[in-house]
C-alpha atoms as a PDB file:
ATOM      1  CA  MET A   1       0.000   0.000   0.000  1.00  0.00           C
ATOM      2  CA  GLU A   2       1.055   3.565  -0.674  1.00  0.00           C
ATOM      3  CA  LEU A   3      -0.188   6.480   1.407  1.00  0.00           C
ATOM      4  CA  PHE A   4      -0.105   9.918  -0.171  1.00  0.00           C
ATOM      5  CA  TYR A   5      -0.402  12.470   2.620  1.00  0.00           C
ATOM      6  CA  ASN A   6       0.937  15.579   4.303  1.00  0.00           C
ATOM      7  CA  PRO A   7       2.100  15.323   7.937  1.00  0.00           C
ATOM      8  CA  LEU A   8       0.635  18.752   8.782  1.00  0.00           C
ATOM      9  CA  SER A   9      -2.858  17.775   7.625  1.00  0.00           C
ATOM     10  CA  ARG A  10      -5.235  16.673  10.399  1.00  0.00           C
ATOM     11  CA  SER A  11      -6.909  14.145   8.092  1.00  0.00           C
ATOM     12  CA  SER A  12      -3.508  12.707   7.213  1.00  0.00           C
ATOM     13  CA  GLN A  13      -2.558  12.539  10.892  1.00  0.00           C
ATOM     14  CA  LYS A  14      -5.801  10.685  11.585  1.00  0.00           C
ATOM     15  CA  VAL A  15      -4.928   8.027   8.987  1.00  0.00           C
ATOM     16  CA  LEU A  16      -1.332   7.731  10.192  1.00  0.00           C
ATOM     17  CA  ILE A  17      -2.529   7.044  13.750  1.00  0.00           C
ATOM     18  CA  ALA A  18      -4.799   4.306  12.408  1.00  0.00           C
ATOM     19  CA  LEU A  19      -2.068   2.691  10.296  1.00  0.00           C
ATOM     20  CA  TYR A  20       0.315   2.622  13.257  1.00  0.00           C
ATOM     21  CA  GLU A  21      -2.428   1.188  15.481  1.00  0.00           C
ATOM     22  CA  LYS A  22      -3.000  -1.566  12.892  1.00  0.00           C
ATOM     23  CA  GLN A  23       0.765  -2.170  12.559  1.00  0.00           C
ATOM     24  CA  ALA A  24       0.273  -1.804   8.801  1.00  0.00           C
ATOM     25  CA  ASN A  25       3.097  -1.858   6.275  1.00  0.00           C
ATOM     26  CA  PHE A  26       2.844   1.030   3.829  1.00  0.00           C
ATOM     27  CA  PHE A  27       5.006   3.238   1.629  1.00  0.00           C
ATOM     28  CA  PRO A  28       4.804   6.891   2.746  1.00  0.00           C
ATOM     29  CA  ARG A  29       4.476   9.439  -0.061  1.00  0.00           C
ATOM     30  CA  ILE A  30       4.560  12.977   1.349  1.00  0.00           C
ATOM     31  CA  ILE A  31       2.865  15.524  -0.917  1.00  0.00           C
ATOM     32  CA  HIS A  32       3.035  19.314  -0.561  1.00  0.00           C
ATOM     33  CA  LEU A  33      -0.009  20.617  -2.406  1.00  0.00           C
ATOM     34  CA  HIS A  34       1.103  24.230  -1.928  1.00  0.00           C
ATOM     35  CA  ASP A  35       4.073  23.492  -4.211  1.00  0.00           C
ATOM     36  CA  PRO A  36       2.851  24.017  -7.826  1.00  0.00           C
ATOM     37  CA  LEU A  37       5.130  21.356  -9.299  1.00  0.00           C
ATOM     38  CA  GLU A  38       4.216  18.731  -6.724  1.00  0.00           C
ATOM     39  CA  ARG A  39       0.538  19.572  -7.043  1.00  0.00           C
ATOM     40  CA  ARG A  40       0.638  19.249 -10.840  1.00  0.00           C
ATOM     41  CA  SER A  41       2.522  15.958 -10.641  1.00  0.00           C
ATOM     42  CA  PHE A  42       0.077  14.543  -8.092  1.00  0.00           C
ATOM     43  CA  ALA A  43      -2.915  15.777 -10.119  1.00  0.00           C
ATOM     44  CA  ASP A  44      -1.576  13.905 -13.157  1.00  0.00           C
ATOM     45  CA  CYS A  45      -1.868  10.686 -11.127  1.00  0.00           C
ATOM     46  CA  TYR A  46      -4.993  11.603  -9.175  1.00  0.00           C
ATOM     47  CA  PRO A  47      -7.004  14.451 -10.774  1.00  0.00           C
ATOM     48  CA  LEU A  48      -9.111  15.107  -7.653  1.00  0.00           C
ATOM     49  CA  CYS A  49      -5.840  16.087  -5.968  1.00  0.00           C
ATOM     50  CA  SER A  50      -6.996  15.553  -2.384  1.00  0.00           C
ATOM     51  CA  LEU A  51      -5.150  14.113   0.593  1.00  0.00           C
ATOM     52  CA  PRO A  52      -4.907  11.617   2.152  1.00  0.00           C
ATOM     53  CA  LEU A  53      -5.071   8.975  -0.557  1.00  0.00           C
ATOM     54  CA  LEU A  54      -4.380   5.263  -0.142  1.00  0.00           C
ATOM     55  CA  VAL A  55      -3.394   3.225  -3.198  1.00  0.00           C
ATOM     56  CA  THR A  56      -3.682  -0.530  -2.661  1.00  0.00           C
ATOM     57  CA  LYS A  57      -1.536  -3.268  -4.152  1.00  0.00           C
ATOM     58  CA  ASP A  58      -4.127  -3.876  -6.865  1.00  0.00           C
ATOM     59  CA  GLY A  59      -4.276  -0.187  -7.781  1.00  0.00           C
ATOM     60  CA  LEU A  60      -7.484   0.741  -5.967  1.00  0.00           C
ATOM     61  CA  GLU A  61      -7.466   4.435  -5.034  1.00  0.00           C
ATOM     62  CA  ILE A  62      -9.178   5.194  -1.722  1.00  0.00           C
ATOM     63  CA  PRO A  63      -9.606   8.859  -0.745  1.00  0.00           C
ATOM     64  CA  ASP A  64     -11.187  10.161   2.478  1.00  0.00           C
ATOM     65  CA  SER A  65      -9.623   9.391   5.848  1.00  0.00           C
ATOM     66  CA  SER A  66     -12.565   7.393   7.224  1.00  0.00           C
ATOM     67  CA  SER A  67     -12.855   5.232   4.093  1.00  0.00           C
ATOM     68  CA  ILE A  68      -9.123   4.506   4.274  1.00  0.00           C
ATOM     69  CA  ILE A  69      -9.362   3.441   7.918  1.00  0.00           C
ATOM     70  CA  GLU A  70     -12.385   1.226   7.283  1.00  0.00           C
ATOM     71  CA  TYR A  71     -10.581  -0.440   4.345  1.00  0.00           C
ATOM     72  CA  VAL A  72      -7.461  -1.084   6.454  1.00  0.00           C
ATOM     73  CA  GLU A  73      -9.621  -2.453   9.276  1.00  0.00           C
ATOM     74  CA  GLN A  74     -11.161  -4.965   6.859  1.00  0.00           C
ATOM     75  CA  LYS A  75      -7.846  -6.046   5.374  1.00  0.00           C
ATOM     76  CA  ILE A  76      -5.670  -6.154   8.499  1.00  0.00           C
ATOM     77  CA  PRO A  77      -7.117  -8.078  11.457  1.00  0.00           C
ATOM     78  CA  ALA A  78      -3.982  -7.495  13.573  1.00  0.00           C
ATOM     79  CA  GLY A  79      -3.463  -4.572  15.882  1.00  0.00           C
ATOM     80  CA  THR A  80      -6.133  -2.343  17.404  1.00  0.00           C
ATOM     81  CA  GLN A  81      -9.739  -2.969  16.410  1.00  0.00           C
ATOM     82  CA  LEU A  82     -10.712   0.498  15.169  1.00  0.00           C
ATOM     83  CA  CYS A  83     -14.263  -0.381  14.056  1.00  0.00           C
ATOM     84  CA  PRO A  84     -16.034  -2.232  16.891  1.00  0.00           C
ATOM     85  CA  PRO A  85     -17.927  -5.401  15.895  1.00  0.00           C
ATOM     86  CA  GLU A  86     -20.923  -4.475  18.070  1.00  0.00           C
ATOM     87  CA  PRO A  87     -23.399  -2.605  15.807  1.00  0.00           C
ATOM     88  CA  ALA A  88     -24.447  -0.048  18.442  1.00  0.00           C
ATOM     89  CA  ARG A  89     -20.878   0.789  19.414  1.00  0.00           C
ATOM     90  CA  ASN A  90     -19.729   1.007  15.816  1.00  0.00           C
ATOM     91  CA  LEU A  91     -22.655   3.304  14.994  1.00  0.00           C
ATOM     92  CA  ARG A  92     -21.454   5.591  17.763  1.00  0.00           C
ATOM     93  CA  ASN A  93     -17.927   5.317  16.403  1.00  0.00           C
ATOM     94  CA  ARG A  94     -19.092   6.436  12.945  1.00  0.00           C
ATOM     95  CA  MET A  95     -21.303   9.226  14.303  1.00  0.00           C
ATOM     96  CA  LEU A  96     -18.520  10.735  16.396  1.00  0.00           C
ATOM     97  CA  ASP A  97     -16.030  10.355  13.566  1.00  0.00           C
ATOM     98  CA  ARG A  98     -18.393  12.296  11.280  1.00  0.00           C
ATOM     99  CA  LEU A  99     -18.995  14.944  13.961  1.00  0.00           C
ATOM    100  CA  ILE A 100     -15.263  15.520  14.318  1.00  0.00           C
ATOM    101  CA  ASP A 101     -14.599  15.597  10.569  1.00  0.00           C
ATOM    102  CA  ASN A 102     -17.613  17.661   9.541  1.00  0.00           C
ATOM    103  CA  GLN A 103     -17.794  20.068  12.469  1.00  0.00           C
ATOM    104  CA  LEU A 104     -14.512  20.222  14.400  1.00  0.00           C
ATOM    105  CA  TYR A 105     -12.089  19.908  11.466  1.00  0.00           C
ATOM    106  CA  ARG A 106     -14.133  22.228   9.274  1.00  0.00           C
ATOM    107  CA  THR A 107     -14.427  24.951  11.920  1.00  0.00           C
ATOM    108  CA  LEU A 108     -10.715  24.743  12.708  1.00  0.00           C
ATOM    109  CA  TYR A 109      -9.914  25.055   9.007  1.00  0.00           C
ATOM    110  CA  GLU A 110     -12.174  28.083   8.542  1.00  0.00           C
ATOM    111  CA  MET A 111     -10.706  29.756  11.618  1.00  0.00           C
ATOM    112  CA  GLU A 112      -7.117  29.124  10.511  1.00  0.00           C
ATOM    113  CA  LYS A 113      -7.895  30.431   7.027  1.00  0.00           C
ATOM    114  CA  HIS A 114      -9.427  33.600   8.475  1.00  0.00           C
ATOM    115  CA  LEU A 115      -6.517  34.189  10.878  1.00  0.00           C
ATOM    116  CA  HIS A 116      -4.071  33.959   7.974  1.00  0.00           C
ATOM    117  CA  LEU A 117      -5.686  36.997   6.366  1.00  0.00           C
ATOM    118  CA  PRO A 118      -3.947  40.372   6.795  1.00  0.00           C
ATOM    119  CA  GLU A 119      -4.882  41.778  10.179  1.00  0.00           C
ATOM    120  CA  HIS A 120      -6.956  44.612   8.707  1.00  0.00           C
ATOM    121  CA  LEU A 121      -9.154  42.059   6.891  1.00  0.00           C
ATOM    122  CA  GLN A 122      -9.839  39.899   9.935  1.00  0.00           C
ATOM    123  CA  GLN A 123     -13.299  40.279  11.418  1.00  0.00           C
ATOM    124  CA  PRO A 124     -13.548  39.819  15.208  1.00  0.00           C
ATOM    125  CA  LEU A 125     -17.223  38.868  14.935  1.00  0.00           C
ATOM    126  CA  ILE A 126     -16.445  35.965  12.601  1.00  0.00           C
ATOM    127  CA  ILE A 127     -13.631  34.787  14.870  1.00  0.00           C
ATOM    128  CA  ARG A 128     -15.929  34.868  17.929  1.00  0.00           C
ATOM    129  CA  GLN A 129     -18.580  32.904  16.032  1.00  0.00           C
ATOM    130  CA  GLN A 130     -16.027  30.278  15.057  1.00  0.00           C
ATOM    131  CA  GLN A 131     -14.763  30.026  18.627  1.00  0.00           C
ATOM    132  CA  LYS A 132     -18.345  29.605  19.841  1.00  0.00           C
ATOM    133  CA  GLN A 133     -18.914  26.806  17.310  1.00  0.00           C
ATOM    134  CA  LEU A 134     -15.722  25.063  18.444  1.00  0.00           C
ATOM    135  CA  LYS A 135     -16.862  25.159  22.053  1.00  0.00           C
ATOM    136  CA  ILE A 136     -20.271  23.716  21.125  1.00  0.00           C
ATOM    137  CA  VAL A 137     -18.624  20.708  19.470  1.00  0.00           C
ATOM    138  CA  LEU A 138     -16.102  20.298  22.292  1.00  0.00           C
ATOM    139  CA  ASN A 139     -18.897  20.327  24.863  1.00  0.00           C
ATOM    140  CA  GLU A 140     -20.663  17.572  22.926  1.00  0.00           C
ATOM    141  CA  LEU A 141     -17.491  15.462  22.892  1.00  0.00           C
ATOM    142  CA  GLU A 142     -16.959  16.203  26.599  1.00  0.00           C
ATOM    143  CA  LYS A 143     -20.317  14.568  27.322  1.00  0.00           C
ATOM    144  CA  HIS A 144     -19.325  11.414  25.432  1.00  0.00           C
ATOM    145  CA  LEU A 145     -16.132  11.071  27.468  1.00  0.00           C
ATOM    146  CA  ARG A 146     -17.809  11.036  30.871  1.00  0.00           C
ATOM    147  CA  GLN A 147     -17.247   7.648  32.526  1.00  0.00           C
ATOM    148  CA  GLN A 148     -15.401   6.399  29.424  1.00  0.00           C
ATOM    149  CA  HIS A 149     -11.698   5.938  28.830  1.00  0.00           C
ATOM    150  CA  TRP A 150     -11.905   6.621  25.073  1.00  0.00           C
ATOM    151  CA  LEU A 151     -14.705   8.081  22.954  1.00  0.00           C
ATOM    152  CA  CYS A 152     -16.542   4.786  22.394  1.00  0.00           C
ATOM    153  CA  GLY A 153     -15.724   2.969  25.610  1.00  0.00           C
ATOM    154  CA  ASN A 154     -12.542   1.323  26.841  1.00  0.00           C
ATOM    155  CA  GLY A 155     -11.244   0.512  23.345  1.00  0.00           C
ATOM    156  CA  PHE A 156      -9.432   2.906  21.006  1.00  0.00           C
ATOM    157  CA  THR A 157     -11.404   3.454  17.770  1.00  0.00           C
ATOM    158  CA  MET A 158     -11.489   5.421  14.520  1.00  0.00           C
ATOM    159  CA  ALA A 159     -13.222   8.277  16.355  1.00  0.00           C
ATOM    160  CA  ASP A 160     -10.176   8.604  18.609  1.00  0.00           C
ATOM    161  CA  CYS A 161      -7.894   8.657  15.569  1.00  0.00           C
ATOM    162  CA  ALA A 162      -9.912  11.675  14.429  1.00  0.00           C
ATOM    163  CA  LEU A 163     -10.134  13.556  17.723  1.00  0.00           C
ATOM    164  CA  ILE A 164      -6.502  13.518  18.831  1.00  0.00           C
ATOM    165  CA  PRO A 165      -5.102  15.645  15.940  1.00  0.00           C
ATOM    166  CA  ALA A 166      -7.906  18.183  16.441  1.00  0.00           C
ATOM    167  CA  LEU A 167      -7.138  18.619  20.143  1.00  0.00           C
ATOM    168  CA  TYR A 168      -3.499  19.292  19.369  1.00  0.00           C
ATOM    169  CA  SER A 169      -4.324  22.037  16.870  1.00  0.00           C
ATOM    170  CA  LEU A 170      -6.867  24.020  18.886  1.00  0.00           C
ATOM    171  CA  PRO A 171      -6.201  27.781  18.840  1.00  0.00           C
ATOM    172  CA  LYS A 172      -4.734  29.260  22.004  1.00  0.00           C
ATOM    173  CA  GLU A 173      -8.012  31.094  22.647  1.00  0.00           C
ATOM    174  CA  ILE A 174      -9.664  27.725  23.372  1.00  0.00           C
ATOM    175  CA  ARG A 175      -8.497  26.699  26.844  1.00  0.00           C
ATOM    176  CA  LEU A 176      -8.660  22.913  27.071  1.00  0.00           C
ATOM    177  CA  MET A 177      -8.298  23.168  30.852  1.00  0.00           C
ATOM    178  CA  GLU A 178     -11.930  24.328  30.864  1.00  0.00           C
ATOM    179  CA  PHE A 179     -12.955  20.874  29.598  1.00  0.00           C
ATOM    180  CA  PHE A 180     -12.143  18.374  32.347  1.00  0.00           C
ATOM    181  CA  GLU A 181     -12.707  15.178  30.335  1.00  0.00           C
ATOM    182  CA  LEU A 182     -11.061  16.414  27.129  1.00  0.00           C
ATOM    183  CA  ASN A 183      -8.047  17.622  29.084  1.00  0.00           C
ATOM    184  CA  ARG A 184      -7.759  14.199  30.749  1.00  0.00           C
ATOM    185  CA  TYR A 185      -8.215  12.565  27.344  1.00  0.00           C
ATOM    186  CA  ARG A 186      -5.419  14.604  25.783  1.00  0.00           C
ATOM    187  CA  GLN A 187      -3.047  13.624  28.599  1.00  0.00           C
ATOM    188  CA  GLN A 188      -3.727   9.922  28.057  1.00  0.00           C
ATOM    189  CA  ALA A 189      -3.330  10.376  24.271  1.00  0.00           C
ATOM    190  CA  GLU A 190       0.226  11.594  24.979  1.00  0.00           C
ATOM    191  CA  LEU A 191       1.037   8.044  26.096  1.00  0.00           C
ATOM    192  CA  ARG A 192      -0.272   6.441  22.893  1.00  0.00           C
ATOM    193  CA  GLY A 193       2.610   5.126  20.794  1.00  0.00           C
ATOM    194  CA  SER A 194       0.833   5.757  17.496  1.00  0.00           C
ATOM    195  CA  TRP A 195       0.364   9.455  18.284  1.00  0.00           C
ATOM    196  CA  SER A 196       3.983   9.760  19.463  1.00  0.00           C
ATOM    197  CA  LEU A 197       5.141   8.544  16.048  1.00  0.00           C
ATOM    198  CA  VAL A 198       2.857  11.011  14.265  1.00  0.00           C
ATOM    199  CA  LYS A 199       4.006  13.884  16.486  1.00  0.00           C
ATOM    200  CA  GLU A 200       7.643  13.124  15.681  1.00  0.00           C
ATOM    201  CA  GLU A 201       6.908  13.463  11.982  1.00  0.00           C
ATOM    202  CA  ILE A 202       4.930  16.693  12.504  1.00  0.00           C
ATOM    203  CA  GLU A 203       7.775  18.221  14.512  1.00  0.00           C
ATOM    204  CA  GLN A 204      10.346  17.175  11.916  1.00  0.00           C
ATOM    205  CA  VAL A 205       8.413  18.782   9.056  1.00  0.00           C
ATOM    206  CA  GLN A 206       7.752  21.952  11.090  1.00  0.00           C
ATOM    207  CA  SER A 207      11.448  22.184  11.924  1.00  0.00           C
ATOM    208  CA  GLU A 208      12.400  21.833   8.256  1.00  0.00           C
ATOM    209  CA  LEU A 209       9.902  24.509   7.252  1.00  0.00           C
ATOM    210  CA  HIS A 210      11.155  26.931   9.903  1.00  0.00           C
ATOM    211  CA  SER A 211      14.763  26.335   8.853  1.00  0.00           C
ATOM    212  CA  GLY A 212      13.925  26.984   5.216  1.00  0.00           C
ATOM    213  CA  ILE A 213      14.646  23.394   4.163  1.00  0.00           C
ATOM    214  CA  GLN A 214      12.145  21.980   1.665  1.00  0.00           C
ATOM    215  CA  PRO A 215      10.875  18.673   3.110  1.00  0.00           C
ATOM    216  CA  GLN A 216      11.576  15.747   0.861  1.00  0.00           C
ATOM    217  CA  SER A 217       8.805  13.649  -0.657  1.00  0.00           C
END
């Protein structure tokens, strides 16, 4: 399998956590879509030009982080069971995964995009609205973590693969200490080997970018 991804992308981080949890063998293919040449080259192979993308041994192209994780879960029985076999628990797993992708990731992206505008174009009202939306979603996740070790019970699932990258990219205005369960959750995520591996790659790429070195694909 080949994984086309970017280490600074939350969706890519989500998939990397899952692959490490499954102890999967894959070829990493880092893509920098902001680089015109890399983007054009990737688009020649995959016109939709979205990350992450998993390409299987038989050439099947699987986009979308959740679809990738569900495919890997089907093909690799070893490692952590990321999609629970119990229908009710797996429904919860899917629902929370969708909540995180469609609400938390999207709001974080919109906020980051707005904050990258020149200061005179930033609108405080929009920023406050985005912060309010983030807190609404975080409060919903806080409720799910009461009396549970992970989002869907005692076992680590796809929903956890999604949540951890989001918690580590919250803006400084969102104080995680205000959320007792989410703060506890983040501390236990620090001990997860899969996330440690992903963090190492994030820090390496960030260091290369800050030093002016172009990360290698």
